[in-house]
Structures are given as structure tokens and as C-alpha cells.
């Protein structure tokens, strides 16, 4: 997707846990930015889980991918996120926190981007407070692709994801037209909970 970019890399060593976190954020960013093609569905179908809530969410997403097809997933994505239908979702921080698009949450986010040296990629008009873009930024911060002081990922998460993104994932999980994307919602909700708990323990 690459809606945003940074001219700098942190150069820090990324451990196994942070690599896994970055991959989780990157997966959510991809699935929220576009519907999965057949190649991605096949890769997701190979997901295996474990007994943990996150592992079970992975297994459920793998099962959903195995029974999905590219056309059906594209239709589902359109119905959920096109904004045309009665039950469509608006995955923007400004919508959830301010009740309208292009609100104060977007302005605060742009200030954070400036502080982090993150710039919008040319040719993209999507408001930066879209859930996919925020997950992409978290992937970059956690995975060391973006420059940031120690704890930058926690600060960004607490300021721009924690206040609303769990509610969005719950809405996605419960959306009437969601099948494959209901599992994406479950994965996102559980992962946000894991991140929230981990940051709380590290405080």
C-alpha cells in the first residue's frame, strides 16, 4: 500500500517478537487497504494457530480464506468499505472520535507524522487516519523501517490507535455483510488487546 513513507530507517536491531508484531500490523494494513487476491487468500489459507486467543484468530482467518474466493472477497470488501451502503463502515479515526471525516484526530495525526519525519506517498488522497494507514505506520515503527526514539511505537499506538481502533474492529467483526472480514475483525480486535496489555505491563 505504502500510503506514507519516511526518508529514514531506525537502523535498530529488531527482535523476533517485534518482527512478529510488525508482520501482524502489516497483514492488517494490507487487508484493510484492499480485498485479498487469490495469491494472498492461498497464503492465508495456510495459517495455523495455537491455543492462544491470537492463535485461534489466525486459525479462523485461515479457514475463512480457504473457503473464500477472490470475487466474493472483493464484493464483501466493497460492501463493507465503499461507504455507499447503509451498513458500510468508515475506518477513520475522525469518524469514530469526532463524528465526521477530516476532524481534529486527523490534524493531530499529521502533527505526529511531521514529528516522525513521515510523508505521504505521492498520488494518494486517502485521509491518513484510515485504519490501514495507521497499521502500516505501526508496522514501520515496530519493524524499524521508520526512525523513532525508544517507545515511539507505544506513543503512536496510545495516541492514534488505542482510542478507537478496537471499536472499529468490533464493528467489522459484527458487520452483517462480513464473512471473511469478520475474521479480520476478530484478529484485529484480539491483536489490539494484546498490544494494549503488553504496553500496560511495560509501563
Protein backbone atom coordinates (compact mmCIF):
# COMPACT_ATOMS: atom_id res chain seq x y z
CA UNK A 1 0.00 0.00 0.00
CA UNK A 2 2.66 2.48 1.10
CA UNK A 3 0.40 5.46 1.70
CA UNK A 4 3.15 7.10 3.72
CA UNK A 5 6.91 6.92 3.77
CA UNK A 6 9.90 8.02 5.83
CA UNK A 7 13.24 9.09 4.49
CA UNK A 8 14.97 7.48 7.43
CA UNK A 9 15.40 3.99 8.83
CA UNK A 10 15.95 3.48 12.52
CA UNK A 11 18.87 1.12 11.99
CA UNK A 12 18.00 -0.67 15.24
CA UNK A 13 18.09 -4.42 15.71
CA UNK A 14 14.57 -5.84 15.60
CA UNK A 15 13.98 -8.89 17.77
CA UNK A 16 11.75 -11.84 16.96
CA UNK A 17 8.77 -10.52 18.93
CA UNK A 18 8.85 -7.14 17.20
CA UNK A 19 9.20 -8.81 13.81
CA UNK A 20 6.05 -10.82 14.55
CA UNK A 21 4.24 -7.67 15.71
CA UNK A 22 5.30 -5.79 12.59
CA UNK A 23 4.07 -8.65 10.39
CA UNK A 24 0.71 -8.63 12.18
CA UNK A 25 0.29 -4.91 11.63
CA UNK A 26 1.39 -5.26 8.00
CA UNK A 27 -1.17 -8.02 7.40
CA UNK A 28 -3.97 -5.92 8.88
CA UNK A 29 -2.85 -2.93 6.82
CA UNK A 30 -2.97 -4.98 3.63
CA UNK A 31 -6.39 -6.50 4.33
CA UNK A 32 -7.90 -3.14 5.28
CA UNK A 33 -6.48 -1.32 2.25
CA UNK A 34 -7.79 -3.71 -0.41
CA UNK A 35 -9.52 -7.02 -0.87
CA UNK A 36 -7.24 -10.07 -0.99
CA UNK A 37 -6.30 -11.52 -4.36
CA UNK A 38 -6.13 -15.26 -4.95
CA UNK A 39 -2.42 -15.43 -4.06
CA UNK A 40 -2.98 -13.78 -0.70
CA UNK A 41 -6.00 -15.97 0.02
CA UNK A 42 -3.92 -19.06 -0.66
CA UNK A 43 -1.18 -17.85 1.69
CA UNK A 44 -3.71 -17.03 4.38
CA UNK A 45 -5.33 -20.44 3.98
CA UNK A 46 -2.08 -22.00 5.20
CA UNK A 47 -2.24 -20.13 8.52
CA UNK A 48 -2.16 -22.36 11.55
CA UNK A 49 -2.93 -21.35 15.10
CA UNK A 50 -2.37 -22.42 18.65
CA UNK A 51 -4.42 -22.37 21.85
CA UNK A 52 -3.91 -18.65 22.50
CA UNK A 53 -6.65 -16.20 21.50
CA UNK A 54 -4.39 -14.76 18.80
CA UNK A 55 -3.53 -18.23 17.56
CA UNK A 56 -7.21 -19.14 17.36
CA UNK A 57 -7.87 -15.93 15.41
CA UNK A 58 -5.13 -16.91 12.96
CA UNK A 59 -6.66 -20.35 12.52
CA UNK A 60 -10.12 -18.86 11.95
CA UNK A 61 -8.75 -16.43 9.37
CA UNK A 62 -7.02 -19.32 7.61
CA UNK A 63 -10.26 -21.28 7.49
CA UNK A 64 -12.15 -18.26 6.17
CA UNK A 65 -9.52 -17.73 3.48
CA UNK A 66 -9.73 -21.38 2.46
CA UNK A 67 -13.47 -21.13 1.78
CA UNK A 68 -13.31 -17.63 0.21
CA UNK A 69 -12.75 -16.74 -3.43
CA UNK A 70 -11.31 -13.57 -4.90
CA UNK A 71 -14.58 -12.32 -6.36
CA UNK A 72 -16.56 -12.88 -3.20
CA UNK A 73 -13.90 -11.23 -1.04
CA UNK A 74 -13.83 -8.22 -3.36
CA UNK A 75 -17.62 -7.90 -3.18
CA UNK A 76 -17.53 -8.16 0.59
CA UNK A 77 -14.80 -5.53 0.83
CA UNK A 78 -16.78 -3.17 -1.42
CA UNK A 79 -19.97 -3.60 0.58
CA UNK A 80 -18.17 -3.03 3.87
CA UNK A 81 -15.96 -0.09 2.98
CA UNK A 82 -17.40 1.65 -0.07
CA UNK A 83 -19.42 3.96 2.14
CA UNK A 84 -22.42 3.60 -0.18
CA UNK A 85 -24.45 1.03 1.71
CA UNK A 86 -26.48 1.54 4.85
CA UNK A 87 -24.24 -0.72 6.88
CA UNK A 88 -20.88 0.30 5.38
CA UNK A 89 -18.06 1.07 7.78
CA UNK A 90 -15.92 4.20 7.83
CA UNK A 91 -12.50 3.09 9.10
CA UNK A 92 -11.24 6.55 10.06
CA UNK A 93 -10.19 7.88 13.45
CA UNK A 94 -12.00 11.17 12.79
CA UNK A 95 -15.28 9.34 12.17
CA UNK A 96 -15.04 7.32 15.38
CA UNK A 97 -13.72 10.10 17.61
CA UNK A 98 -15.24 13.25 16.15
CA UNK A 99 -18.27 12.02 14.22
CA UNK A 100 -17.07 13.38 10.88
CA UNK A 101 -14.23 12.97 8.44
CA UNK A 102 -11.21 15.29 8.38
CA UNK A 103 -11.65 16.14 12.06
CA UNK A 104 -9.25 17.05 14.83
CA UNK A 105 -7.91 13.46 15.15
CA UNK A 106 -6.56 13.76 11.60
CA UNK A 107 -4.89 17.08 12.41
CA UNK A 108 -3.21 15.56 15.48
CA UNK A 109 -2.08 12.60 13.42
CA UNK A 110 -0.50 14.87 10.81
CA UNK A 111 1.44 16.58 13.60
CA UNK A 112 2.76 13.17 14.70
CA UNK A 113 3.73 12.32 11.12
CA UNK A 114 5.69 15.56 10.89
CA UNK A 115 7.49 14.81 14.16
CA UNK A 116 8.39 11.31 12.92
CA UNK A 117 9.55 12.53 9.51
CA UNK A 118 6.82 10.54 7.75
CA UNK A 119 5.47 11.92 4.48
CA UNK A 120 2.53 10.91 2.32
CA UNK A 121 3.44 8.99 -0.80
CA UNK A 122 2.64 10.95 -3.93
CA UNK A 123 -0.66 10.23 -5.65
CA UNK A 124 -2.66 9.11 -2.62
CA UNK A 125 -5.71 11.06 -1.50
CA UNK A 126 -6.95 8.77 1.31
CA UNK A 127 -7.12 10.60 4.68
CA UNK A 128 -4.17 9.49 6.76
CA UNK A 129 -6.31 8.44 9.73
CA UNK A 130 -7.58 5.38 7.83
CA UNK A 131 -7.11 2.21 9.89
CA UNK A 132 -4.97 0.63 7.18
CA UNK A 133 -2.54 3.54 7.14
CA UNK A 134 -2.25 3.58 10.93
CA UNK A 135 -1.47 -0.15 10.92
CA UNK A 136 1.10 0.43 8.20
CA UNK A 137 2.79 3.13 10.28
CA UNK A 138 2.83 0.85 13.32
CA UNK A 139 4.42 -1.88 11.21
CA UNK A 140 7.13 0.56 10.18
CA UNK A 141 7.76 1.79 13.73
CA UNK A 142 7.82 -1.67 15.26
CA UNK A 143 9.82 -3.20 12.42
CA UNK A 144 12.47 -0.48 12.35
CA UNK A 145 11.61 0.92 8.93
CA UNK A 146 10.77 4.34 10.39
CA UNK A 147 13.03 6.45 12.55
CA UNK A 148 11.74 7.00 16.06
CA UNK A 149 13.01 7.30 19.59
CA UNK A 150 12.58 4.43 22.03
CA UNK A 151 8.90 3.99 22.79
CA UNK A 152 7.72 5.74 19.62
CA UNK A 153 5.53 2.76 18.74
CA UNK A 154 3.84 2.86 22.14
CA UNK A 155 3.26 6.62 21.94
CA UNK A 156 1.83 6.35 18.44
CA UNK A 157 -0.40 3.43 19.43
CA UNK A 158 -1.74 5.14 22.54
CA UNK A 159 -2.36 8.45 20.77
CA UNK A 160 -3.79 7.28 17.47
CA UNK A 161 -4.97 3.65 17.66
CA UNK A 162 -5.99 2.87 21.23
CA UNK A 163 -8.78 5.49 21.47
CA UNK A 164 -10.88 3.95 18.69
CA UNK A 165 -9.46 1.07 16.67
CA UNK A 166 -10.76 -1.71 18.90
CA UNK A 167 -14.29 -0.36 18.40
CA UNK A 168 -13.75 -0.37 14.66
CA UNK A 169 -12.59 -4.00 14.68
CA UNK A 170 -15.60 -4.99 16.81
CA UNK A 171 -17.87 -3.27 14.28
CA UNK A 172 -16.13 -5.15 11.47
CA UNK A 173 -16.40 -8.43 13.37
CA UNK A 174 -20.16 -7.92 13.78
CA UNK A 175 -20.98 -6.37 10.40
CA UNK A 176 -23.94 -8.02 8.68
CA UNK A 177 -22.20 -8.40 5.33
CA UNK A 178 -18.92 -9.69 6.80
CA UNK A 179 -17.80 -13.31 6.47
CA UNK A 180 -14.11 -13.35 5.63
CA UNK A 181 -13.78 -9.83 7.04
CA UNK A 182 -15.49 -10.82 10.27
CA UNK A 183 -12.40 -12.95 10.91
CA UNK A 184 -10.20 -9.97 10.04
CA UNK A 185 -12.18 -8.01 12.63
CA UNK A 186 -11.65 -10.72 15.25
CA UNK A 187 -7.93 -10.83 14.54
CA UNK A 188 -7.65 -7.05 14.75
CA UNK A 189 -9.64 -6.84 17.99
CA UNK A 190 -7.58 -9.52 19.68
CA UNK A 191 -4.29 -8.09 18.45
CA UNK A 192 -5.20 -4.61 19.69
CA UNK A 193 -5.99 -6.18 23.08
CA UNK A 194 -2.62 -7.95 23.11
CA UNK A 195 -0.80 -4.72 22.27
CA UNK A 196 -2.75 -2.78 24.89
CA UNK A 197 -1.92 -5.32 27.59
CA UNK A 198 1.74 -5.51 26.58
CA UNK A 199 2.17 -1.74 26.69
CA UNK A 200 0.43 -1.61 30.08
CA UNK A 201 2.77 -4.23 31.52
CA UNK A 202 5.80 -2.38 30.17
CA UNK A 203 4.74 0.90 31.79
